[in-house]
Amino acid sequence: MPPLVPWMTGADGYILRLLDETGVAMPPKAIALNLRAEHGASAPSEKHVGRRLREELSTHGLVYQPFQDEARAYYALTDLGSRYLHDSNAEPAEFVADTDISEE
């Protein structure tokens, strides 16, 4: 079972598992449609999936955009994202980006 990370929502787990299972980069709409087919009405909306991918999941390094120069809205799982899903020794602190930028 993946570690509990304070910034994550239930939708994040669905998104990460789908990207892991497919092994390919996908746009938010395809992710949302697949999640709806699998989870029905409890699946996150396309808008919510897109926001989580752009904001938290990208910021914390669990997903990235492999085709950024050609098609910016495609996302794939990073090695860190895979570690989150599969490494039982992983600690929650490993999945929190250092966003504290101090001025000198």
N, C-alpha and C. Protein backbone atom coordinates (compact mmCIF):
# COMPACT_ATOMS: atom_id res chain seq x y z
N MET A 1 0.85 -1.19 0.00
CA MET A 1 0.00 0.00 0.00
C MET A 1 0.89 1.24 0.00
N PRO A 2 0.60 2.21 -0.90
CA PRO A 2 1.41 3.43 -0.95
C PRO A 2 1.32 4.22 0.35
N PRO A 3 2.36 5.01 0.63
CA PRO A 3 2.35 5.82 1.87
C PRO A 3 1.29 6.91 1.81
N LEU A 4 0.78 7.30 2.97
CA LEU A 4 -0.18 8.39 3.04
C LEU A 4 0.57 9.71 2.97
N VAL A 5 0.29 10.50 1.96
CA VAL A 5 0.94 11.78 1.74
C VAL A 5 -0.11 12.87 1.94
N PRO A 6 0.13 13.82 2.84
CA PRO A 6 -0.89 14.81 3.21
C PRO A 6 -1.52 15.59 2.05
N TRP A 7 -0.78 15.92 1.03
CA TRP A 7 -1.33 16.73 -0.05
C TRP A 7 -2.17 15.94 -1.05
N MET A 8 -2.14 14.64 -0.98
CA MET A 8 -2.83 13.81 -1.97
C MET A 8 -4.33 13.66 -1.69
N THR A 9 -5.06 13.45 -2.79
CA THR A 9 -6.49 13.14 -2.70
C THR A 9 -6.70 11.72 -3.22
N GLY A 10 -7.88 11.19 -3.04
CA GLY A 10 -8.19 9.86 -3.54
C GLY A 10 -8.06 9.78 -5.06
N ALA A 11 -8.37 10.87 -5.74
CA ALA A 11 -8.26 10.90 -7.20
C ALA A 11 -6.82 10.68 -7.65
N ASP A 12 -5.86 11.18 -6.88
CA ASP A 12 -4.45 11.04 -7.26
C ASP A 12 -4.06 9.58 -7.37
N GLY A 13 -4.51 8.77 -6.44
CA GLY A 13 -4.20 7.34 -6.48
C GLY A 13 -4.78 6.69 -7.72
N TYR A 14 -6.02 7.04 -8.07
CA TYR A 14 -6.64 6.50 -9.29
C TYR A 14 -5.82 6.88 -10.52
N ILE A 15 -5.44 8.15 -10.60
CA ILE A 15 -4.69 8.66 -11.75
C ILE A 15 -3.35 7.95 -11.87
N LEU A 16 -2.61 7.87 -10.78
CA LEU A 16 -1.29 7.25 -10.80
C LEU A 16 -1.37 5.77 -11.17
N ARG A 17 -2.34 5.06 -10.60
CA ARG A 17 -2.48 3.63 -10.90
C ARG A 17 -2.82 3.40 -12.38
N LEU A 18 -3.67 4.24 -12.94
CA LEU A 18 -4.02 4.10 -14.35
C LEU A 18 -2.80 4.33 -15.24
N LEU A 19 -2.04 5.38 -14.96
CA LEU A 19 -0.83 5.65 -15.74
C LEU A 19 0.17 4.50 -15.61
N ASP A 20 0.25 3.93 -14.43
CA ASP A 20 1.15 2.80 -14.20
C ASP A 20 0.68 1.57 -14.98
N GLU A 21 -0.60 1.28 -14.92
CA GLU A 21 -1.15 0.10 -15.60
C GLU A 21 -1.01 0.19 -17.12
N THR A 22 -1.25 1.36 -17.68
CA THR A 22 -1.19 1.51 -19.14
C THR A 22 0.24 1.63 -19.63
N GLY A 23 1.09 2.28 -18.86
CA GLY A 23 2.48 2.46 -19.26
C GLY A 23 2.68 3.44 -20.40
N VAL A 24 1.66 4.22 -20.71
CA VAL A 24 1.77 5.21 -21.79
C VAL A 24 1.34 6.58 -21.29
N ALA A 25 1.78 7.62 -21.99
CA ALA A 25 1.35 8.98 -21.68
C ALA A 25 -0.08 9.17 -22.16
N MET A 26 -0.87 9.87 -21.36
CA MET A 26 -2.27 10.08 -21.69
C MET A 26 -2.68 11.51 -21.35
N PRO A 27 -3.65 12.06 -22.10
CA PRO A 27 -4.19 13.38 -21.75
C PRO A 27 -5.24 13.23 -20.65
N PRO A 28 -5.54 14.32 -19.94
CA PRO A 28 -6.53 14.25 -18.86
C PRO A 28 -7.88 13.66 -19.29
N LYS A 29 -8.35 13.99 -20.50
CA LYS A 29 -9.65 13.47 -20.94
C LYS A 29 -9.63 11.94 -21.02
N ALA A 30 -8.59 11.37 -21.60
CA ALA A 30 -8.49 9.90 -21.71
C ALA A 30 -8.40 9.27 -20.32
N ILE A 31 -7.67 9.91 -19.43
CA ILE A 31 -7.56 9.39 -18.06
C ILE A 31 -8.94 9.42 -17.40
N ALA A 32 -9.64 10.53 -17.50
CA ALA A 32 -10.95 10.66 -16.87
C ALA A 32 -11.95 9.66 -17.45
N LEU A 33 -11.93 9.46 -18.77
CA LEU A 33 -12.85 8.50 -19.39
C LEU A 33 -12.57 7.08 -18.93
N ASN A 34 -11.30 6.71 -18.86
CA ASN A 34 -10.94 5.37 -18.38
C ASN A 34 -11.31 5.18 -16.91
N LEU A 35 -11.11 6.21 -16.11
CA LEU A 35 -11.47 6.11 -14.70
C LEU A 35 -12.99 6.00 -14.54
N ARG A 36 -13.72 6.72 -15.37
CA ARG A 36 -15.18 6.63 -15.30
C ARG A 36 -15.65 5.23 -15.70
N ALA A 37 -15.01 4.64 -16.71
CA ALA A 37 -15.37 3.28 -17.13
C ALA A 37 -15.09 2.28 -16.02
N GLU A 38 -14.02 2.52 -15.27
CA GLU A 38 -13.62 1.59 -14.21
C GLU A 38 -14.36 1.84 -12.89
N HIS A 39 -14.56 3.11 -12.53
CA HIS A 39 -15.10 3.44 -11.21
C HIS A 39 -16.50 4.05 -11.23
N GLY A 40 -17.05 4.27 -12.39
CA GLY A 40 -18.40 4.82 -12.49
C GLY A 40 -18.49 6.24 -11.96
N ALA A 41 -19.59 6.53 -11.31
CA ALA A 41 -19.88 7.89 -10.84
C ALA A 41 -18.88 8.41 -9.80
N SER A 42 -18.15 7.52 -9.14
CA SER A 42 -17.20 7.97 -8.12
C SER A 42 -15.87 8.44 -8.73
N ALA A 43 -15.71 8.30 -10.05
CA ALA A 43 -14.48 8.73 -10.72
C ALA A 43 -14.39 10.26 -10.75
N PRO A 44 -13.17 10.80 -10.69
CA PRO A 44 -13.01 12.26 -10.78
C PRO A 44 -13.34 12.76 -12.18
N SER A 45 -13.78 14.00 -12.27
CA SER A 45 -14.10 14.62 -13.56
C SER A 45 -12.84 14.92 -14.34
N GLU A 46 -13.01 15.17 -15.64
CA GLU A 46 -11.86 15.53 -16.49
C GLU A 46 -11.19 16.81 -15.97
N LYS A 47 -11.99 17.77 -15.55
CA LYS A 47 -11.45 19.03 -15.03
C LYS A 47 -10.60 18.78 -13.78
N HIS A 48 -11.11 17.95 -12.89
CA HIS A 48 -10.37 17.64 -11.66
C HIS A 48 -9.09 16.87 -11.97
N VAL A 49 -9.16 15.90 -12.89
CA VAL A 49 -7.98 15.14 -13.29
C VAL A 49 -6.92 16.08 -13.86
N GLY A 50 -7.33 16.97 -14.76
CA GLY A 50 -6.40 17.91 -15.37
C GLY A 50 -5.73 18.81 -14.34
N ARG A 51 -6.53 19.30 -13.39
CA ARG A 51 -5.98 20.18 -12.35
C ARG A 51 -4.97 19.43 -11.48
N ARG A 52 -5.29 18.20 -11.08
CA ARG A 52 -4.37 17.42 -10.23
C ARG A 52 -3.07 17.12 -10.98
N LEU A 53 -3.17 16.80 -12.27
CA LEU A 53 -1.97 16.52 -13.07
C LEU A 53 -1.10 17.76 -13.19
N ARG A 54 -1.71 18.90 -13.55
CA ARG A 54 -0.96 20.15 -13.76
C ARG A 54 -0.35 20.68 -12.48
N GLU A 55 -1.10 20.57 -11.41
CA GLU A 55 -0.67 21.19 -10.17
C GLU A 55 0.08 20.21 -9.28
N GLU A 56 -0.57 19.54 -8.40
CA GLU A 56 0.09 18.75 -7.36
C GLU A 56 0.96 17.61 -7.89
N LEU A 57 0.42 16.80 -8.79
CA LEU A 57 1.18 15.62 -9.23
C LEU A 57 2.45 16.00 -9.99
N SER A 58 2.38 17.07 -10.80
CA SER A 58 3.57 17.55 -11.50
C SER A 58 4.54 18.24 -10.54
N THR A 59 4.00 19.11 -9.70
CA THR A 59 4.84 19.86 -8.76
C THR A 59 5.65 18.94 -7.86
N HIS A 60 5.04 17.85 -7.43
CA HIS A 60 5.72 16.93 -6.52
C HIS A 60 6.49 15.83 -7.25
N GLY A 61 6.54 15.91 -8.58
CA GLY A 61 7.40 15.03 -9.36
C GLY A 61 6.90 13.63 -9.62
N LEU A 62 5.59 13.39 -9.49
CA LEU A 62 5.07 12.04 -9.71
C LEU A 62 4.65 11.80 -11.15
N VAL A 63 4.38 12.86 -11.89
CA VAL A 63 4.08 12.76 -13.32
C VAL A 63 4.88 13.83 -14.06
N TYR A 64 5.01 13.64 -15.37
CA TYR A 64 5.69 14.63 -16.20
C TYR A 64 5.04 14.64 -17.58
N GLN A 65 5.41 15.61 -18.40
CA GLN A 65 4.88 15.74 -19.76
C GLN A 65 5.96 15.33 -20.75
N PRO A 66 5.94 14.09 -21.23
CA PRO A 66 7.02 13.61 -22.10
C PRO A 66 7.03 14.23 -23.49
N PHE A 67 5.92 14.77 -23.95
CA PHE A 67 5.83 15.35 -25.29
C PHE A 67 5.59 16.85 -25.23
N GLN A 68 6.16 17.51 -24.26
CA GLN A 68 5.86 18.91 -23.99
C GLN A 68 6.02 19.80 -25.23
N ASP A 69 6.98 19.52 -26.09
CA ASP A 69 7.18 20.34 -27.28
C ASP A 69 6.14 20.08 -28.36
N GLU A 70 5.52 18.89 -28.33
CA GLU A 70 4.57 18.52 -29.37
C GLU A 70 3.12 18.53 -28.90
N ALA A 71 2.88 18.03 -27.71
CA ALA A 71 1.52 17.92 -27.17
C ALA A 71 1.61 18.07 -25.66
N ARG A 72 1.42 19.27 -25.18
CA ARG A 72 1.69 19.57 -23.77
C ARG A 72 0.76 18.88 -22.78
N ALA A 73 -0.41 18.47 -23.18
CA ALA A 73 -1.37 17.95 -22.22
C ALA A 73 -1.31 16.43 -22.04
N TYR A 74 -0.21 15.81 -22.39
CA TYR A 74 -0.04 14.37 -22.15
C TYR A 74 0.83 14.17 -20.92
N TYR A 75 0.44 13.23 -20.07
CA TYR A 75 1.16 12.98 -18.83
C TYR A 75 1.53 11.51 -18.71
N ALA A 76 2.70 11.28 -18.11
CA ALA A 76 3.17 9.92 -17.86
C ALA A 76 3.73 9.87 -16.44
N LEU A 77 3.85 8.68 -15.93
CA LEU A 77 4.36 8.44 -14.58
C LEU A 77 5.89 8.59 -14.57
N THR A 78 6.42 9.24 -13.56
CA THR A 78 7.87 9.34 -13.39
C THR A 78 8.37 8.14 -12.58
N ASP A 79 9.68 8.02 -12.45
CA ASP A 79 10.24 6.97 -11.60
C ASP A 79 9.77 7.17 -10.16
N LEU A 80 9.68 8.43 -9.72
CA LEU A 80 9.20 8.71 -8.37
C LEU A 80 7.75 8.27 -8.21
N GLY A 81 6.94 8.52 -9.24
CA GLY A 81 5.55 8.08 -9.20
C GLY A 81 5.44 6.56 -9.10
N SER A 82 6.30 5.88 -9.83
CA SER A 82 6.33 4.42 -9.76
C SER A 82 6.78 3.95 -8.38
N ARG A 83 7.76 4.65 -7.82
CA ARG A 83 8.23 4.32 -6.47
C ARG A 83 7.10 4.49 -5.46
N TYR A 84 6.33 5.56 -5.61
CA TYR A 84 5.19 5.79 -4.72
C TYR A 84 4.25 4.59 -4.72
N LEU A 85 3.97 4.07 -5.89
CA LEU A 85 3.02 2.96 -6.02
C LEU A 85 3.58 1.60 -5.59
N HIS A 86 4.88 1.38 -5.79
CA HIS A 86 5.42 0.03 -5.66
C HIS A 86 6.42 -0.22 -4.53
N ASP A 87 6.99 0.82 -3.95
CA ASP A 87 8.02 0.62 -2.94
C ASP A 87 7.41 0.67 -1.54
N SER A 88 7.32 -0.48 -0.91
CA SER A 88 6.70 -0.54 0.43
C SER A 88 7.55 0.14 1.50
N ASN A 89 8.80 0.45 1.20
CA ASN A 89 9.68 1.13 2.15
C ASN A 89 9.68 2.65 1.97
N ALA A 90 8.93 3.14 1.01
CA ALA A 90 8.90 4.58 0.74
C ALA A 90 8.26 5.32 1.91
N GLU A 91 8.78 6.51 2.16
CA GLU A 91 8.28 7.37 3.23
C GLU A 91 7.53 8.56 2.63
N PRO A 92 6.46 9.02 3.28
CA PRO A 92 5.68 10.14 2.74
C PRO A 92 6.52 11.38 2.42
N ALA A 93 7.54 11.67 3.19
CA ALA A 93 8.37 12.86 2.97
C ALA A 93 9.07 12.84 1.61
N GLU A 94 9.26 11.66 1.03
CA GLU A 94 9.91 11.55 -0.27
C GLU A 94 9.05 12.13 -1.39
N PHE A 95 7.77 12.30 -1.14
CA PHE A 95 6.84 12.71 -2.18
C PHE A 95 6.31 14.11 -1.98
N VAL A 96 7.07 14.92 -1.26
CA VAL A 96 6.71 16.30 -1.01
C VAL A 96 7.82 17.17 -1.59
N ALA A 97 7.49 17.93 -2.63
CA ALA A 97 8.48 18.78 -3.27
C ALA A 97 8.91 19.89 -2.32
N ASP A 98 10.16 20.29 -2.44
CA ASP A 98 10.67 21.40 -1.66
C ASP A 98 10.30 22.67 -2.40
N THR A 99 9.18 23.28 -2.03
CA THR A 99 8.71 24.48 -2.70
C THR A 99 9.00 25.75 -1.92
N ASP A 100 9.80 25.63 -0.87
CA ASP A 100 10.16 26.78 -0.04
C ASP A 100 11.31 27.52 -0.70
N ILE A 101 11.00 28.63 -1.36
CA ILE A 101 12.03 29.42 -2.02
C ILE A 101 12.26 30.67 -1.19
N SER A 102 13.45 30.78 -0.64
CA SER A 102 13.75 31.95 0.18
C SER A 102 14.62 32.94 -0.59
N GLU A 103 14.43 34.19 -0.32
CA GLU A 103 15.23 35.24 -0.97
C GLU A 103 16.47 35.50 -0.14
N GLU A 104 17.53 35.79 -0.85
CA GLU A 104 18.79 36.09 -0.14
C GLU A 104 19.01 37.57 -0.07
